[in-house]
Amino acid sequence: MAKVSDFRLSRIGPTDTDKSHVSTHVKGSFGYIDPEYYKRFRLTEKSDVFSFGVVLFEILCGRPALIHSAETQQVSLSNWVKHCDRNGSIAEIVDPTIKTKIAPECLKKFCEIGMNCLLEDGTQRPRMKDVVAMLEFTLRLQESAEQPAIEKGEKISEDSFSTTDLNVTTTTSTSEDNSYSNDTVSSWTPFSEIIDPKPR
């Protein structure tokens, strides 16, 4: 029997009835839940974007979403990175190991992507397909930075990446659920199997 664990999705229901049991209470781990849910009691696709932003900063900062023993301001990772971003010190909380392995401009882009995912207004957050495109661009920028200058066949323009305009021009979609067009999935694409999954 398949089981879902870790995200506290399971709940005990009645066994002495023929009717199905429906629970409308959201079950999730504190630290990842969209703060808009506490205001409107409604989850959207952008709620998942917020959760992804938390996971991205877990990787960048090398710490979990919640540290109960930390100072009050640092208990919640999402609140802590927002505070540091406002003070212009977000680079100071990035894992030192990551700093030595990622080009500075790429690290800045990863932080910008994460901050866009954590925006308080869910309607202002990017769609996940746009997040994927921005991550791909940043990874390609990193690959370019790792190559010797003489081997670089092309220069990636900083202007082609904007955190204020989240409509990625390299993608096409007809609805929220559609994936990228096949033209977007190229041989170098790190997330090609997410965008265009193929049977194994």
C-alpha atoms as a PDB file:
ATOM      1  CA  MET A   1       0.000   0.000   0.000  1.00  0.00           C
ATOM      2  CA  ALA A   2       1.361   3.406  -0.973  1.00  0.00           C
ATOM      3  CA  LYS A   3       1.965   5.823   1.873  1.00  0.00           C
ATOM      4  CA  VAL A   4       2.583   9.562   1.961  1.00  0.00           C
ATOM      5  CA  SER A   5       4.818  10.690   4.778  1.00  0.00           C
ATOM      6  CA  ASP A   6       6.867  13.599   6.130  1.00  0.00           C
ATOM      7  CA  PHE A   7       4.464  16.349   5.039  1.00  0.00           C
ATOM      8  CA  ARG A   8       1.807  15.343   7.578  1.00  0.00           C
ATOM      9  CA  LEU A   9      -0.761  14.645   4.910  1.00  0.00           C
ATOM     10  CA  SER A  10      -2.338  11.643   6.596  1.00  0.00           C
ATOM     11  CA  ARG A  11      -5.292  11.896   8.942  1.00  0.00           C
ATOM     12  CA  ILE A  12      -7.342   9.298  10.775  1.00  0.00           C
ATOM     13  CA  GLY A  13     -10.923   9.096   9.511  1.00  0.00           C
ATOM     14  CA  PRO A  14     -14.012   7.170  10.576  1.00  0.00           C
ATOM     15  CA  THR A  15     -14.122   3.467   9.707  1.00  0.00           C
ATOM     16  CA  ASP A  16     -17.700   2.698  10.740  1.00  0.00           C
ATOM     17  CA  THR A  17     -19.439   4.455   7.859  1.00  0.00           C
ATOM     18  CA  ASP A  18     -20.125   3.758   4.204  1.00  0.00           C
ATOM     19  CA  LYS A  19     -19.636   7.394   3.286  1.00  0.00           C
ATOM     20  CA  SER A  20     -16.340   8.840   2.209  1.00  0.00           C
ATOM     21  CA  HIS A  21     -14.543  11.160   4.589  1.00  0.00           C
ATOM     22  CA  VAL A  22     -13.480  14.567   3.293  1.00  0.00           C
ATOM     23  CA  SER A  23     -11.096  16.822   5.179  1.00  0.00           C
ATOM     24  CA  THR A  24     -10.739  20.449   4.137  1.00  0.00           C
ATOM     25  CA  HIS A  25      -7.975  21.294   6.585  1.00  0.00           C
ATOM     26  CA  VAL A  26      -4.591  21.905   4.985  1.00  0.00           C
ATOM     27  CA  LYS A  27      -1.876  19.592   6.210  1.00  0.00           C
ATOM     28  CA  GLY A  28       1.700  20.666   5.690  1.00  0.00           C
ATOM     29  CA  SER A  29       4.973  21.381   7.421  1.00  0.00           C
ATOM     30  CA  PHE A  30       5.336  24.748   9.100  1.00  0.00           C
ATOM     31  CA  GLY A  31       7.905  26.856   7.339  1.00  0.00           C
ATOM     32  CA  TYR A  32       6.751  25.811   3.877  1.00  0.00           C
ATOM     33  CA  ILE A  33       3.070  26.797   3.917  1.00  0.00           C
ATOM     34  CA  ASP A  34       2.083  29.852   1.895  1.00  0.00           C
ATOM     35  CA  PRO A  35       1.452  32.734   4.360  1.00  0.00           C
ATOM     36  CA  GLU A  36      -1.503  33.794   2.194  1.00  0.00           C
ATOM     37  CA  TYR A  37      -3.309  30.665   3.351  1.00  0.00           C
ATOM     38  CA  TYR A  38      -3.485  32.042   6.879  1.00  0.00           C
ATOM     39  CA  LYS A  39      -5.220  35.156   5.521  1.00  0.00           C
ATOM     40  CA  ARG A  40      -7.618  33.666   2.980  1.00  0.00           C
ATOM     41  CA  PHE A  41      -7.690  29.943   3.850  1.00  0.00           C
ATOM     42  CA  ARG A  42      -7.183  29.200   0.178  1.00  0.00           C
ATOM     43  CA  LEU A  43      -4.329  27.463  -1.595  1.00  0.00           C
ATOM     44  CA  THR A  44      -3.382  28.121  -5.215  1.00  0.00           C
ATOM     45  CA  GLU A  45      -0.701  26.999  -7.646  1.00  0.00           C
ATOM     46  CA  LYS A  46       1.350  29.938  -6.413  1.00  0.00           C
ATOM     47  CA  SER A  47       1.321  28.366  -2.954  1.00  0.00           C
ATOM     48  CA  ASP A  48       3.557  25.636  -4.352  1.00  0.00           C
ATOM     49  CA  VAL A  49       5.815  28.342  -5.776  1.00  0.00           C
ATOM     50  CA  PHE A  50       6.254  29.771  -2.274  1.00  0.00           C
ATOM     51  CA  SER A  51       7.150  26.334  -0.909  1.00  0.00           C
ATOM     52  CA  PHE A  52       9.691  25.870  -3.694  1.00  0.00           C
ATOM     53  CA  GLY A  53      11.261  29.210  -2.801  1.00  0.00           C
ATOM     54  CA  VAL A  54      11.772  27.968   0.752  1.00  0.00           C
ATOM     55  CA  VAL A  55      13.409  24.766  -0.531  1.00  0.00           C
ATOM     56  CA  LEU A  56      15.678  26.789  -2.833  1.00  0.00           C
ATOM     57  CA  PHE A  57      16.890  28.901   0.078  1.00  0.00           C
ATOM     58  CA  GLU A  58      17.379  25.770   2.182  1.00  0.00           C
ATOM     59  CA  ILE A  59      19.910  24.718  -0.443  1.00  0.00           C
ATOM     60  CA  LEU A  60      21.498  28.157  -0.777  1.00  0.00           C
ATOM     61  CA  CYS A  61      21.759  28.779   2.970  1.00  0.00           C
ATOM     62  CA  GLY A  62      22.475  25.217   4.064  1.00  0.00           C
ATOM     63  CA  ARG A  63      19.839  25.244   6.812  1.00  0.00           C
ATOM     64  CA  PRO A  64      16.301  23.894   7.330  1.00  0.00           C
ATOM     65  CA  ALA A  65      13.123  25.916   6.954  1.00  0.00           C
ATOM     66  CA  LEU A  66      12.718  26.152  10.731  1.00  0.00           C
ATOM     67  CA  ILE A  67      15.278  26.247  13.529  1.00  0.00           C
ATOM     68  CA  HIS A  68      13.370  26.438  16.794  1.00  0.00           C
ATOM     69  CA  SER A  69      16.520  27.036  18.841  1.00  0.00           C
ATOM     70  CA  ALA A  70      17.600  30.055  16.769  1.00  0.00           C
ATOM     71  CA  GLU A  71      17.000  33.689  17.638  1.00  0.00           C
ATOM     72  CA  THR A  72      13.397  34.770  17.118  1.00  0.00           C
ATOM     73  CA  GLN A  73      14.133  36.587  13.882  1.00  0.00           C
ATOM     74  CA  GLN A  74      15.978  33.593  12.439  1.00  0.00           C
ATOM     75  CA  VAL A  75      13.564  30.793  13.364  1.00  0.00           C
ATOM     76  CA  SER A  76      11.735  30.914  10.018  1.00  0.00           C
ATOM     77  CA  LEU A  77      14.032  30.743   6.995  1.00  0.00           C
ATOM     78  CA  SER A  78      11.577  32.581   4.727  1.00  0.00           C
ATOM     79  CA  ASN A  79      11.227  35.466   7.199  1.00  0.00           C
ATOM     80  CA  TRP A  80      14.968  35.574   7.779  1.00  0.00           C
ATOM     81  CA  VAL A  81      15.907  35.823   4.089  1.00  0.00           C
ATOM     82  CA  LYS A  82      13.276  38.536   3.564  1.00  0.00           C
ATOM     83  CA  HIS A  83      14.776  40.503   6.440  1.00  0.00           C
ATOM     84  CA  CYS A  84      18.291  40.108   5.048  1.00  0.00           C
ATOM     85  CA  ASP A  85      17.124  41.030   1.556  1.00  0.00           C
ATOM     86  CA  ARG A  86      15.624  44.282   2.844  1.00  0.00           C
ATOM     87  CA  ASN A  87      18.926  45.076   4.569  1.00  0.00           C
ATOM     88  CA  GLY A  88      20.972  44.152   1.518  1.00  0.00           C
ATOM     89  CA  SER A  89      22.778  41.395   3.423  1.00  0.00           C
ATOM     90  CA  ILE A  90      21.268  38.287   1.865  1.00  0.00           C
ATOM     91  CA  ALA A  91      24.662  37.213   0.491  1.00  0.00           C
ATOM     92  CA  GLU A  92      25.960  36.981   4.059  1.00  0.00           C
ATOM     93  CA  ILE A  93      23.622  34.107   4.973  1.00  0.00           C
ATOM     94  CA  VAL A  94      24.488  31.968   1.945  1.00  0.00           C
ATOM     95  CA  ASP A  95      26.371  28.752   2.700  1.00  0.00           C
ATOM     96  CA  PRO A  96      30.125  29.549   2.367  1.00  0.00           C
ATOM     97  CA  THR A  97      30.682  26.284   0.514  1.00  0.00           C
ATOM     98  CA  ILE A  98      28.233  27.320  -2.186  1.00  0.00           C
ATOM     99  CA  LYS A  99      29.819  30.761  -2.464  1.00  0.00           C
ATOM    100  CA  THR A 100      33.097  29.182  -3.534  1.00  0.00           C
ATOM    101  CA  LYS A 101      31.459  27.039  -6.214  1.00  0.00           C
ATOM    102  CA  ILE A 102      29.004  29.438  -7.867  1.00  0.00           C
ATOM    103  CA  ALA A 103      29.867  32.497  -9.923  1.00  0.00           C
ATOM    104  CA  PRO A 104      28.798  35.677  -8.067  1.00  0.00           C
ATOM    105  CA  GLU A 105      26.357  36.753 -10.781  1.00  0.00           C
ATOM    106  CA  CYS A 106      24.761  33.287 -10.759  1.00  0.00           C
ATOM    107  CA  LEU A 107      24.417  33.305  -6.981  1.00  0.00           C
ATOM    108  CA  LYS A 108      22.706  36.670  -7.243  1.00  0.00           C
ATOM    109  CA  LYS A 109      20.273  35.265  -9.805  1.00  0.00           C
ATOM    110  CA  PHE A 110      19.461  32.234  -7.645  1.00  0.00           C
ATOM    111  CA  CYS A 111      18.691  34.550  -4.722  1.00  0.00           C
ATOM    112  CA  GLU A 112      16.516  36.743  -6.952  1.00  0.00           C
ATOM    113  CA  ILE A 113      14.565  33.696  -8.116  1.00  0.00           C
ATOM    114  CA  GLY A 114      14.047  32.597  -4.523  1.00  0.00           C
ATOM    115  CA  MET A 115      12.900  36.050  -3.435  1.00  0.00           C
ATOM    116  CA  ASN A 116      10.392  36.211  -6.294  1.00  0.00           C
ATOM    117  CA  CYS A 117       8.968  32.884  -5.135  1.00  0.00           C
ATOM    118  CA  LEU A 118       8.582  34.226  -1.589  1.00  0.00           C
ATOM    119  CA  LEU A 119       6.661  37.376  -2.493  1.00  0.00           C
ATOM    120  CA  GLU A 120       3.811  38.041  -0.055  1.00  0.00           C
ATOM    121  CA  ASP A 121       1.327  38.649  -2.872  1.00  0.00           C
ATOM    122  CA  GLY A 122       0.842  35.290  -4.546  1.00  0.00           C
ATOM    123  CA  THR A 123      -0.313  36.880  -7.795  1.00  0.00           C
ATOM    124  CA  GLN A 124       3.109  38.518  -8.132  1.00  0.00           C
ATOM    125  CA  ARG A 125       5.004  35.245  -7.833  1.00  0.00           C
ATOM    126  CA  PRO A 126       6.216  33.590 -11.038  1.00  0.00           C
ATOM    127  CA  ARG A 127       4.605  30.461 -12.418  1.00  0.00           C
ATOM    128  CA  MET A 128       6.614  27.290 -11.916  1.00  0.00           C
ATOM    129  CA  LYS A 129       7.265  27.053 -15.649  1.00  0.00           C
ATOM    130  CA  ASP A 130       8.824  30.516 -15.449  1.00  0.00           C
ATOM    131  CA  VAL A 131      10.864  29.479 -12.421  1.00  0.00           C
ATOM    132  CA  VAL A 132      12.205  26.505 -14.376  1.00  0.00           C
ATOM    133  CA  ALA A 133      13.158  28.769 -17.283  1.00  0.00           C
ATOM    134  CA  MET A 134      14.945  31.205 -14.961  1.00  0.00           C
ATOM    135  CA  LEU A 135      16.827  28.374 -13.254  1.00  0.00           C
ATOM    136  CA  GLU A 136      17.887  27.014 -16.631  1.00  0.00           C
ATOM    137  CA  PHE A 137      19.144  30.426 -17.682  1.00  0.00           C
ATOM    138  CA  THR A 138      21.121  30.772 -14.456  1.00  0.00           C
ATOM    139  CA  LEU A 139      22.635  27.305 -14.810  1.00  0.00           C
ATOM    140  CA  ARG A 140      23.624  28.099 -18.364  1.00  0.00           C
ATOM    141  CA  LEU A 141      25.188  31.326 -17.115  1.00  0.00           C
ATOM    142  CA  GLN A 142      27.152  29.266 -14.590  1.00  0.00           C
ATOM    143  CA  GLU A 143      28.332  26.868 -17.287  1.00  0.00           C
ATOM    144  CA  SER A 144      29.459  29.846 -19.342  1.00  0.00           C
ATOM    145  CA  ALA A 145      31.332  31.294 -16.370  1.00  0.00           C
ATOM    146  CA  GLU A 146      33.162  27.997 -15.823  1.00  0.00           C
ATOM    147  CA  GLN A 147      34.477  27.909 -19.393  1.00  0.00           C
ATOM    148  CA  PRO A 148      37.747  29.631 -20.295  1.00  0.00           C
ATOM    149  CA  ALA A 149      37.040  32.898 -22.087  1.00  0.00           C
ATOM    150  CA  ILE A 150      38.634  31.613 -25.292  1.00  0.00           C
ATOM    151  CA  GLU A 151      36.170  28.700 -25.409  1.00  0.00           C
ATOM    152  CA  LYS A 152      33.031  30.784 -24.934  1.00  0.00           C
ATOM    153  CA  GLY A 153      31.157  30.788 -28.184  1.00  0.00           C
ATOM    154  CA  GLU A 154      28.416  33.130 -27.021  1.00  0.00           C
ATOM    155  CA  LYS A 155      27.806  35.806 -24.456  1.00  0.00           C
ATOM    156  CA  ILE A 156      24.683  35.645 -22.323  1.00  0.00           C
ATOM    157  CA  SER A 157      23.201  39.078 -21.886  1.00  0.00           C
ATOM    158  CA  GLU A 158      22.187  40.143 -18.390  1.00  0.00           C
ATOM    159  CA  ASP A 159      19.281  42.023 -19.974  1.00  0.00           C
ATOM    160  CA  SER A 160      17.657  38.757 -21.018  1.00  0.00           C
ATOM    161  CA  PHE A 161      17.009  37.941 -17.353  1.00  0.00           C
ATOM    162  CA  SER A 162      14.740  40.255 -15.415  1.00  0.00           C
ATOM    163  CA  THR A 163      13.159  39.708 -12.018  1.00  0.00           C
ATOM    164  CA  THR A 164      10.639  42.448 -12.633  1.00  0.00           C
ATOM    165  CA  ASP A 165       9.311  40.905 -15.838  1.00  0.00           C
ATOM    166  CA  LEU A 166       8.598  37.278 -15.121  1.00  0.00           C
ATOM    167  CA  ASN A 167       7.162  36.459 -18.535  1.00  0.00           C
ATOM    168  CA  VAL A 168       9.936  34.341 -19.985  1.00  0.00           C
ATOM    169  CA  THR A 169      10.151  34.971 -23.701  1.00  0.00           C
ATOM    170  CA  THR A 170      11.595  31.562 -24.519  1.00  0.00           C
ATOM    171  CA  THR A 171       8.468  29.724 -23.455  1.00  0.00           C
ATOM    172  CA  THR A 172       5.079  29.190 -24.978  1.00  0.00           C
ATOM    173  CA  SER A 173       1.971  27.963 -23.208  1.00  0.00           C
ATOM    174  CA  THR A 174      -1.737  27.850 -23.784  1.00  0.00           C
ATOM    175  CA  SER A 175      -2.759  27.289 -20.169  1.00  0.00           C
ATOM    176  CA  GLU A 176      -1.396  27.117 -16.637  1.00  0.00           C
ATOM    177  CA  ASP A 177      -1.022  23.355 -16.841  1.00  0.00           C
ATOM    178  CA  ASN A 178       0.792  23.195 -20.169  1.00  0.00           C
ATOM    179  CA  SER A 179       4.514  22.514 -20.274  1.00  0.00           C
ATOM    180  CA  TYR A 180       7.042  24.248 -22.457  1.00  0.00           C
ATOM    181  CA  SER A 181       6.920  23.790 -26.181  1.00  0.00           C
ATOM    182  CA  ASN A 182       9.315  21.257 -27.635  1.00  0.00           C
ATOM    183  CA  ASP A 183      11.440  24.095 -29.003  1.00  0.00           C
ATOM    184  CA  THR A 184      12.342  25.072 -25.458  1.00  0.00           C
ATOM    185  CA  VAL A 185      13.729  21.658 -24.539  1.00  0.00           C
ATOM    186  CA  SER A 186      17.237  21.578 -25.930  1.00  0.00           C
ATOM    187  CA  SER A 187      20.074  19.153 -25.418  1.00  0.00           C
ATOM    188  CA  TRP A 188      21.718  21.235 -22.690  1.00  0.00           C
ATOM    189  CA  THR A 189      18.573  21.688 -20.648  1.00  0.00           C
ATOM    190  CA  PRO A 190      19.203  20.418 -17.084  1.00  0.00           C
ATOM    191  CA  PHE A 191      15.485  19.995 -16.336  1.00  0.00           C
ATOM    192  CA  SER A 192      14.449  18.502 -19.669  1.00  0.00           C
ATOM    193  CA  GLU A 193      12.876  15.431 -18.063  1.00  0.00           C
ATOM    194  CA  ILE A 194      10.733  17.611 -15.813  1.00  0.00           C
ATOM    195  CA  ILE A 195       9.543  19.709 -18.725  1.00  0.00           C
ATOM    196  CA  ASP A 196       9.113  16.820 -21.149  1.00  0.00           C
ATOM    197  CA  PRO A 197       8.976  13.580 -19.114  1.00  0.00           C
ATOM    198  CA  LYS A 198       9.720  10.380 -20.999  1.00  0.00           C
ATOM    199  CA  PRO A 199       9.056   6.775 -19.918  1.00  0.00           C
ATOM    200  CA  ARG A 200      12.048   4.921 -18.526  1.00  0.00           C
END
